[in-house]
Amino acid sequence: ATDPKGVRRHVVTASGSSLYVWDLQAEALFKRIELPSNVDSVAVLEGGERAVVLGCDGVLRILRIPEATVEIAMGDEKRPIKRFSVDREGRFLLCVVANGDVDLYDVETARMNQSQQEEDHVHVHSRLIDTLFAH
């Protein structure tokens, strides 16, 4: 997480089912957020106010860091998410589901990005996958 001048203010780490937000200026723990399952991976979205957290339960949660609240949750035991990637602007989430599906979500709405025609769907996903994994 960074301040308006681009200076890093916070670092987010995880251990077990806890997410820790460290304040770098104060050199202290800012907030501890307890989650319902162990954390598999974490990404902080642009601006540093939200984090994307994938739990070992297959649920991907978008958290508001200052309030320690879950804004959005995706995935469940029937369609667990195994991996995710966030695009450079923090607008889209690419999620790999246990059954092999690859879903693309808009971060703001948590809606799956769907195309009208299957050909467009494959083309758009292919182009976005190339973009997302190019970093």
N, C-alpha and C. Protein backbone atom coordinates (compact mmCIF):
# COMPACT_ATOMS: atom_id res chain seq x y z
N ALA A 1 0.85 -1.17 0.00
CA ALA A 1 0.00 0.00 0.00
C ALA A 1 0.89 1.24 0.00
N THR A 2 0.50 2.23 -0.76
CA THR A 2 1.33 3.42 -0.89
C THR A 2 0.54 4.67 -0.52
N ASP A 3 1.25 5.74 -0.20
CA ASP A 3 0.60 7.02 0.05
C ASP A 3 0.46 7.76 -1.28
N PRO A 4 -0.16 8.96 -1.29
CA PRO A 4 -0.37 9.68 -2.55
C PRO A 4 0.92 9.99 -3.32
N LYS A 5 2.05 10.05 -2.65
CA LYS A 5 3.32 10.33 -3.33
C LYS A 5 3.97 9.06 -3.86
N GLY A 6 3.33 7.92 -3.66
CA GLY A 6 3.87 6.67 -4.16
C GLY A 6 4.83 5.99 -3.20
N VAL A 7 4.91 6.48 -1.97
CA VAL A 7 5.79 5.89 -0.97
C VAL A 7 5.04 4.75 -0.27
N ARG A 8 5.67 3.61 -0.19
CA ARG A 8 5.03 2.46 0.44
C ARG A 8 4.78 2.71 1.91
N ARG A 9 3.52 2.50 2.34
CA ARG A 9 3.13 2.71 3.74
C ARG A 9 2.90 1.40 4.48
N HIS A 10 2.35 0.41 3.78
CA HIS A 10 1.98 -0.84 4.43
C HIS A 10 2.53 -2.04 3.66
N VAL A 11 2.71 -3.11 4.39
CA VAL A 11 3.03 -4.41 3.81
C VAL A 11 2.00 -5.39 4.34
N VAL A 12 1.48 -6.24 3.45
CA VAL A 12 0.48 -7.23 3.85
C VAL A 12 1.12 -8.60 3.79
N THR A 13 1.02 -9.35 4.89
CA THR A 13 1.54 -10.72 4.96
C THR A 13 0.45 -11.62 5.50
N ALA A 14 0.67 -12.93 5.41
CA ALA A 14 -0.32 -13.88 5.92
C ALA A 14 0.38 -15.04 6.59
N SER A 15 -0.30 -15.59 7.59
CA SER A 15 0.16 -16.80 8.26
C SER A 15 -1.07 -17.51 8.77
N GLY A 16 -1.22 -18.77 8.40
CA GLY A 16 -2.41 -19.51 8.81
C GLY A 16 -3.65 -18.85 8.25
N SER A 17 -4.60 -18.55 9.12
CA SER A 17 -5.83 -17.89 8.66
C SER A 17 -5.82 -16.39 8.99
N SER A 18 -4.67 -15.85 9.30
CA SER A 18 -4.57 -14.43 9.63
C SER A 18 -3.85 -13.64 8.55
N LEU A 19 -4.35 -12.45 8.32
CA LEU A 19 -3.73 -11.50 7.41
C LEU A 19 -3.20 -10.37 8.28
N TYR A 20 -1.95 -9.99 8.08
CA TYR A 20 -1.32 -8.95 8.88
C TYR A 20 -0.98 -7.76 8.00
N VAL A 21 -1.36 -6.58 8.44
CA VAL A 21 -1.05 -5.35 7.72
C VAL A 21 -0.07 -4.58 8.61
N TRP A 22 1.15 -4.40 8.08
CA TRP A 22 2.21 -3.73 8.82
C TRP A 22 2.34 -2.29 8.36
N ASP A 23 2.45 -1.36 9.31
CA ASP A 23 2.68 0.04 9.03
C ASP A 23 4.19 0.26 9.01
N LEU A 24 4.74 0.61 7.85
CA LEU A 24 6.18 0.75 7.72
C LEU A 24 6.73 1.98 8.44
N GLN A 25 5.97 3.08 8.43
CA GLN A 25 6.45 4.29 9.12
C GLN A 25 6.53 4.07 10.62
N ALA A 26 5.50 3.46 11.19
CA ALA A 26 5.47 3.23 12.63
C ALA A 26 6.27 1.99 13.03
N GLU A 27 6.66 1.19 12.02
CA GLU A 27 7.35 -0.07 12.26
C GLU A 27 6.58 -0.93 13.26
N ALA A 28 5.26 -1.04 12.98
CA ALA A 28 4.39 -1.78 13.89
C ALA A 28 3.24 -2.43 13.12
N LEU A 29 2.62 -3.40 13.77
CA LEU A 29 1.44 -4.05 13.21
C LEU A 29 0.29 -3.05 13.23
N PHE A 30 -0.30 -2.80 12.05
CA PHE A 30 -1.41 -1.87 11.92
C PHE A 30 -2.73 -2.58 12.18
N LYS A 31 -2.88 -3.78 11.60
CA LYS A 31 -4.15 -4.50 11.72
C LYS A 31 -3.93 -5.98 11.50
N ARG A 32 -4.66 -6.80 12.24
CA ARG A 32 -4.68 -8.25 12.04
C ARG A 32 -6.11 -8.62 11.66
N ILE A 33 -6.26 -9.30 10.52
CA ILE A 33 -7.58 -9.67 10.02
C ILE A 33 -7.66 -11.20 10.05
N GLU A 34 -8.63 -11.73 10.78
CA GLU A 34 -8.81 -13.17 10.88
C GLU A 34 -9.78 -13.61 9.79
N LEU A 35 -9.41 -14.66 9.04
CA LEU A 35 -10.22 -15.17 7.95
C LEU A 35 -10.75 -16.57 8.29
N PRO A 36 -11.81 -17.02 7.60
CA PRO A 36 -12.40 -18.32 7.93
C PRO A 36 -11.55 -19.54 7.55
N SER A 37 -10.54 -19.35 6.71
CA SER A 37 -9.69 -20.49 6.35
C SER A 37 -8.25 -20.01 6.20
N ASN A 38 -7.33 -20.96 6.14
CA ASN A 38 -5.93 -20.60 5.94
C ASN A 38 -5.76 -19.87 4.62
N VAL A 39 -4.80 -18.96 4.57
CA VAL A 39 -4.56 -18.15 3.39
C VAL A 39 -3.58 -18.87 2.47
N ASP A 40 -3.95 -18.95 1.18
CA ASP A 40 -3.07 -19.54 0.17
C ASP A 40 -2.22 -18.47 -0.49
N SER A 41 -2.85 -17.36 -0.91
CA SER A 41 -2.10 -16.27 -1.56
C SER A 41 -2.83 -14.95 -1.38
N VAL A 42 -2.05 -13.86 -1.52
CA VAL A 42 -2.56 -12.50 -1.28
C VAL A 42 -2.01 -11.56 -2.35
N ALA A 43 -2.83 -10.60 -2.78
CA ALA A 43 -2.38 -9.51 -3.65
C ALA A 43 -3.06 -8.24 -3.15
N VAL A 44 -2.32 -7.15 -3.10
CA VAL A 44 -2.89 -5.86 -2.72
C VAL A 44 -3.21 -5.10 -4.00
N LEU A 45 -4.43 -4.59 -4.09
CA LEU A 45 -4.86 -3.86 -5.27
C LEU A 45 -4.28 -2.45 -5.27
N GLU A 46 -4.24 -1.85 -6.45
CA GLU A 46 -3.73 -0.50 -6.63
C GLU A 46 -4.37 0.45 -5.62
N GLY A 47 -3.57 1.27 -5.00
CA GLY A 47 -4.06 2.20 -3.99
C GLY A 47 -3.90 1.68 -2.58
N GLY A 48 -3.79 0.38 -2.44
CA GLY A 48 -3.51 -0.22 -1.15
C GLY A 48 -4.65 -0.30 -0.17
N GLU A 49 -5.85 0.03 -0.58
CA GLU A 49 -7.00 -0.02 0.33
C GLU A 49 -7.69 -1.38 0.34
N ARG A 50 -7.41 -2.19 -0.68
CA ARG A 50 -8.07 -3.50 -0.77
C ARG A 50 -7.04 -4.58 -1.06
N ALA A 51 -7.34 -5.77 -0.55
CA ALA A 51 -6.50 -6.93 -0.80
C ALA A 51 -7.36 -8.06 -1.35
N VAL A 52 -6.78 -8.85 -2.25
CA VAL A 52 -7.42 -10.05 -2.77
C VAL A 52 -6.75 -11.22 -2.07
N VAL A 53 -7.57 -12.06 -1.42
CA VAL A 53 -7.04 -13.16 -0.62
C VAL A 53 -7.70 -14.46 -1.05
N LEU A 54 -6.87 -15.43 -1.43
CA LEU A 54 -7.38 -16.76 -1.77
C LEU A 54 -7.16 -17.66 -0.57
N GLY A 55 -8.26 -18.22 -0.07
CA GLY A 55 -8.19 -19.13 1.06
C GLY A 55 -8.03 -20.57 0.59
N CYS A 56 -7.53 -21.41 1.47
CA CYS A 56 -7.40 -22.83 1.15
C CYS A 56 -8.76 -23.50 0.96
N ASP A 57 -9.84 -22.80 1.33
CA ASP A 57 -11.19 -23.30 1.12
C ASP A 57 -11.68 -23.07 -0.30
N GLY A 58 -10.85 -22.45 -1.16
CA GLY A 58 -11.23 -22.19 -2.55
C GLY A 58 -12.04 -20.93 -2.74
N VAL A 59 -12.19 -20.14 -1.69
CA VAL A 59 -12.94 -18.89 -1.78
C VAL A 59 -11.96 -17.73 -1.92
N LEU A 60 -12.22 -16.88 -2.91
CA LEU A 60 -11.42 -15.69 -3.16
C LEU A 60 -12.19 -14.51 -2.56
N ARG A 61 -11.54 -13.79 -1.67
CA ARG A 61 -12.19 -12.69 -0.98
C ARG A 61 -11.48 -11.37 -1.31
N ILE A 62 -12.28 -10.33 -1.54
CA ILE A 62 -11.73 -8.99 -1.69
C ILE A 62 -12.04 -8.26 -0.40
N LEU A 63 -10.99 -7.82 0.29
CA LEU A 63 -11.13 -7.20 1.60
C LEU A 63 -10.85 -5.71 1.54
N ARG A 64 -11.58 -4.94 2.31
CA ARG A 64 -11.26 -3.53 2.54
C ARG A 64 -10.33 -3.53 3.74
N ILE A 65 -9.08 -3.15 3.52
CA ILE A 65 -8.08 -3.24 4.58
C ILE A 65 -8.39 -2.33 5.76
N PRO A 66 -8.71 -1.04 5.56
CA PRO A 66 -8.92 -0.17 6.73
C PRO A 66 -10.04 -0.66 7.66
N GLU A 67 -11.12 -1.19 7.07
CA GLU A 67 -12.27 -1.64 7.88
C GLU A 67 -12.19 -3.11 8.24
N ALA A 68 -11.27 -3.85 7.63
CA ALA A 68 -11.13 -5.30 7.85
C ALA A 68 -12.42 -6.04 7.53
N THR A 69 -13.06 -5.64 6.42
CA THR A 69 -14.32 -6.28 6.04
C THR A 69 -14.18 -6.95 4.67
N VAL A 70 -14.96 -8.01 4.48
CA VAL A 70 -15.01 -8.70 3.19
C VAL A 70 -16.02 -7.97 2.33
N GLU A 71 -15.56 -7.43 1.20
CA GLU A 71 -16.43 -6.73 0.25
C GLU A 71 -17.14 -7.72 -0.65
N ILE A 72 -16.35 -8.68 -1.16
CA ILE A 72 -16.84 -9.62 -2.16
C ILE A 72 -16.19 -10.97 -1.88
N ALA A 73 -16.97 -12.04 -2.08
CA ALA A 73 -16.42 -13.40 -2.00
C ALA A 73 -16.86 -14.18 -3.24
N MET A 74 -15.91 -14.90 -3.84
CA MET A 74 -16.18 -15.70 -5.04
C MET A 74 -15.63 -17.10 -4.84
N GLY A 75 -16.26 -18.07 -5.49
CA GLY A 75 -15.83 -19.45 -5.37
C GLY A 75 -16.49 -20.09 -4.16
N ASP A 76 -16.56 -21.41 -4.18
CA ASP A 76 -17.13 -22.16 -3.06
C ASP A 76 -16.65 -23.60 -3.17
N GLU A 77 -17.18 -24.49 -2.31
CA GLU A 77 -16.70 -25.87 -2.33
C GLU A 77 -17.07 -26.62 -3.61
N LYS A 78 -18.11 -26.17 -4.32
CA LYS A 78 -18.48 -26.81 -5.59
C LYS A 78 -17.60 -26.35 -6.75
N ARG A 79 -17.17 -25.09 -6.72
CA ARG A 79 -16.29 -24.51 -7.74
C ARG A 79 -15.16 -23.75 -7.07
N PRO A 80 -14.27 -24.48 -6.38
CA PRO A 80 -13.19 -23.80 -5.68
C PRO A 80 -12.19 -23.17 -6.65
N ILE A 81 -11.74 -21.98 -6.29
CA ILE A 81 -10.72 -21.29 -7.07
C ILE A 81 -9.36 -21.78 -6.57
N LYS A 82 -8.48 -22.12 -7.51
CA LYS A 82 -7.17 -22.65 -7.15
C LYS A 82 -6.05 -21.62 -7.29
N ARG A 83 -6.16 -20.72 -8.25
CA ARG A 83 -5.15 -19.69 -8.49
C ARG A 83 -5.84 -18.44 -9.02
N PHE A 84 -5.16 -17.30 -8.87
CA PHE A 84 -5.69 -16.07 -9.42
C PHE A 84 -4.55 -15.14 -9.81
N SER A 85 -4.87 -14.19 -10.67
CA SER A 85 -3.93 -13.14 -11.04
C SER A 85 -4.73 -11.86 -11.22
N VAL A 86 -4.13 -10.74 -10.87
CA VAL A 86 -4.76 -9.43 -11.00
C VAL A 86 -4.06 -8.70 -12.13
N ASP A 87 -4.83 -8.03 -13.01
CA ASP A 87 -4.18 -7.28 -14.09
C ASP A 87 -3.46 -6.07 -13.53
N ARG A 88 -2.62 -5.45 -14.33
CA ARG A 88 -1.76 -4.34 -13.87
C ARG A 88 -2.53 -3.18 -13.27
N GLU A 89 -3.71 -2.89 -13.80
CA GLU A 89 -4.50 -1.77 -13.30
C GLU A 89 -5.38 -2.16 -12.12
N GLY A 90 -5.42 -3.42 -11.77
CA GLY A 90 -6.24 -3.87 -10.65
C GLY A 90 -7.72 -3.91 -10.97
N ARG A 91 -8.05 -4.00 -12.25
CA ARG A 91 -9.46 -3.98 -12.66
C ARG A 91 -10.06 -5.37 -12.83
N PHE A 92 -9.25 -6.34 -13.26
CA PHE A 92 -9.76 -7.68 -13.52
C PHE A 92 -9.02 -8.73 -12.71
N LEU A 93 -9.75 -9.78 -12.37
CA LEU A 93 -9.19 -10.96 -11.72
C LEU A 93 -9.36 -12.14 -12.66
N LEU A 94 -8.28 -12.82 -12.92
CA LEU A 94 -8.32 -14.05 -13.70
C LEU A 94 -8.24 -15.19 -12.69
N CYS A 95 -9.25 -16.05 -12.67
CA CYS A 95 -9.31 -17.12 -11.67
C CYS A 95 -9.31 -18.47 -12.35
N VAL A 96 -8.47 -19.38 -11.87
CA VAL A 96 -8.43 -20.74 -12.35
C VAL A 96 -9.20 -21.59 -11.34
N VAL A 97 -10.26 -22.24 -11.84
CA VAL A 97 -11.14 -23.05 -11.00
C VAL A 97 -10.65 -24.50 -11.02
N ALA A 98 -10.93 -25.24 -9.96
CA ALA A 98 -10.46 -26.63 -9.82
C ALA A 98 -10.88 -27.52 -10.99
N ASN A 99 -12.03 -27.24 -11.62
CA ASN A 99 -12.49 -28.07 -12.74
C ASN A 99 -11.81 -27.71 -14.06
N GLY A 100 -10.88 -26.74 -14.04
CA GLY A 100 -10.16 -26.35 -15.25
C GLY A 100 -10.68 -25.09 -15.91
N ASP A 101 -11.85 -24.60 -15.47
CA ASP A 101 -12.39 -23.36 -16.03
C ASP A 101 -11.46 -22.20 -15.69
N VAL A 102 -11.45 -21.22 -16.58
CA VAL A 102 -10.73 -19.97 -16.33
C VAL A 102 -11.79 -18.87 -16.39
N ASP A 103 -12.00 -18.20 -15.28
CA ASP A 103 -13.01 -17.15 -15.18
C ASP A 103 -12.34 -15.79 -15.06
N LEU A 104 -12.95 -14.81 -15.67
CA LEU A 104 -12.46 -13.45 -15.61
C LEU A 104 -13.52 -12.60 -14.93
N TYR A 105 -13.15 -11.93 -13.84
CA TYR A 105 -14.08 -11.12 -13.07
C TYR A 105 -13.67 -9.66 -13.09
N ASP A 106 -14.67 -8.79 -13.08
CA ASP A 106 -14.46 -7.37 -12.87
C ASP A 106 -14.32 -7.18 -11.37
N VAL A 107 -13.25 -6.56 -10.91
CA VAL A 107 -12.98 -6.41 -9.48
C VAL A 107 -14.06 -5.58 -8.78
N GLU A 108 -14.55 -4.53 -9.43
CA GLU A 108 -15.53 -3.64 -8.80
C GLU A 108 -16.88 -4.31 -8.57
N THR A 109 -17.31 -5.15 -9.49
CA THR A 109 -18.66 -5.72 -9.41
C THR A 109 -18.67 -7.20 -9.06
N ALA A 110 -17.52 -7.86 -9.17
CA ALA A 110 -17.40 -9.32 -8.98
C ALA A 110 -18.23 -10.09 -10.00
N ARG A 111 -18.59 -9.42 -11.08
CA ARG A 111 -19.33 -10.11 -12.14
C ARG A 111 -18.36 -10.73 -13.12
N MET A 112 -18.73 -11.93 -13.58
CA MET A 112 -17.90 -12.60 -14.56
C MET A 112 -18.06 -11.86 -15.88
N ASN A 113 -16.94 -11.60 -16.53
CA ASN A 113 -16.92 -10.92 -17.81
C ASN A 113 -17.29 -11.95 -18.88
N GLN A 114 -18.47 -11.79 -19.48
CA GLN A 114 -18.93 -12.77 -20.46
C GLN A 114 -19.16 -12.11 -21.81
N SER A 115 -18.79 -12.84 -22.86
CA SER A 115 -19.01 -12.35 -24.23
C SER A 115 -20.27 -12.98 -24.79
N GLN A 116 -20.85 -12.33 -25.79
CA GLN A 116 -22.08 -12.83 -26.41
C GLN A 116 -21.82 -14.08 -27.25
N GLN A 117 -20.71 -14.11 -27.96
CA GLN A 117 -20.43 -15.22 -28.85
C GLN A 117 -19.22 -15.99 -28.33
N GLU A 118 -19.24 -17.30 -28.52
CA GLU A 118 -18.16 -18.15 -28.02
C GLU A 118 -16.81 -17.75 -28.63
N GLU A 119 -16.78 -17.41 -29.93
CA GLU A 119 -15.52 -17.01 -30.56
C GLU A 119 -14.95 -15.76 -29.89
N ASP A 120 -15.80 -14.78 -29.63
CA ASP A 120 -15.35 -13.57 -28.95
C ASP A 120 -14.85 -13.91 -27.56
N HIS A 121 -15.56 -14.80 -26.89
CA HIS A 121 -15.22 -15.21 -25.53
C HIS A 121 -13.79 -15.76 -25.49
N VAL A 122 -13.46 -16.66 -26.40
CA VAL A 122 -12.14 -17.27 -26.44
C VAL A 122 -11.09 -16.23 -26.79
N HIS A 123 -11.38 -15.37 -27.78
CA HIS A 123 -10.43 -14.34 -28.20
C HIS A 123 -10.14 -13.35 -27.07
N VAL A 124 -11.19 -12.86 -26.43
CA VAL A 124 -11.02 -11.89 -25.35
C VAL A 124 -10.24 -12.51 -24.20
N HIS A 125 -10.59 -13.75 -23.82
CA HIS A 125 -9.89 -14.40 -22.72
C HIS A 125 -8.42 -14.65 -23.08
N SER A 126 -8.16 -15.05 -24.29
CA SER A 126 -6.80 -15.31 -24.71
C SER A 126 -5.95 -14.04 -24.63
N ARG A 127 -6.50 -12.93 -25.13
CA ARG A 127 -5.79 -11.66 -25.11
C ARG A 127 -5.57 -11.18 -23.67
N LEU A 128 -6.59 -11.32 -22.82
CA LEU A 128 -6.45 -10.89 -21.43
C LEU A 128 -5.49 -11.77 -20.65
N ILE A 129 -5.49 -13.07 -20.94
CA ILE A 129 -4.55 -13.97 -20.28
C ILE A 129 -3.13 -13.56 -20.64
N ASP A 130 -2.89 -13.26 -21.92
CA ASP A 130 -1.57 -12.80 -22.34
C ASP A 130 -1.18 -11.53 -21.60
N THR A 131 -2.13 -10.60 -21.45
CA THR A 131 -1.86 -9.34 -20.76
C THR A 131 -1.61 -9.55 -19.28
N LEU A 132 -2.44 -10.37 -18.65
CA LEU A 132 -2.33 -10.58 -17.20
C LEU A 132 -1.03 -11.25 -16.80
N PHE A 133 -0.59 -12.21 -17.59
CA PHE A 133 0.59 -12.96 -17.22
C PHE A 133 1.86 -12.42 -17.85
N ALA A 134 1.80 -11.22 -18.43
CA ALA A 134 2.97 -10.63 -19.06
C ALA A 134 3.85 -9.85 -18.09
N HIS A 135 3.49 -9.84 -16.80
CA HIS A 135 4.34 -9.07 -15.89
C HIS A 135 5.37 -9.93 -15.32
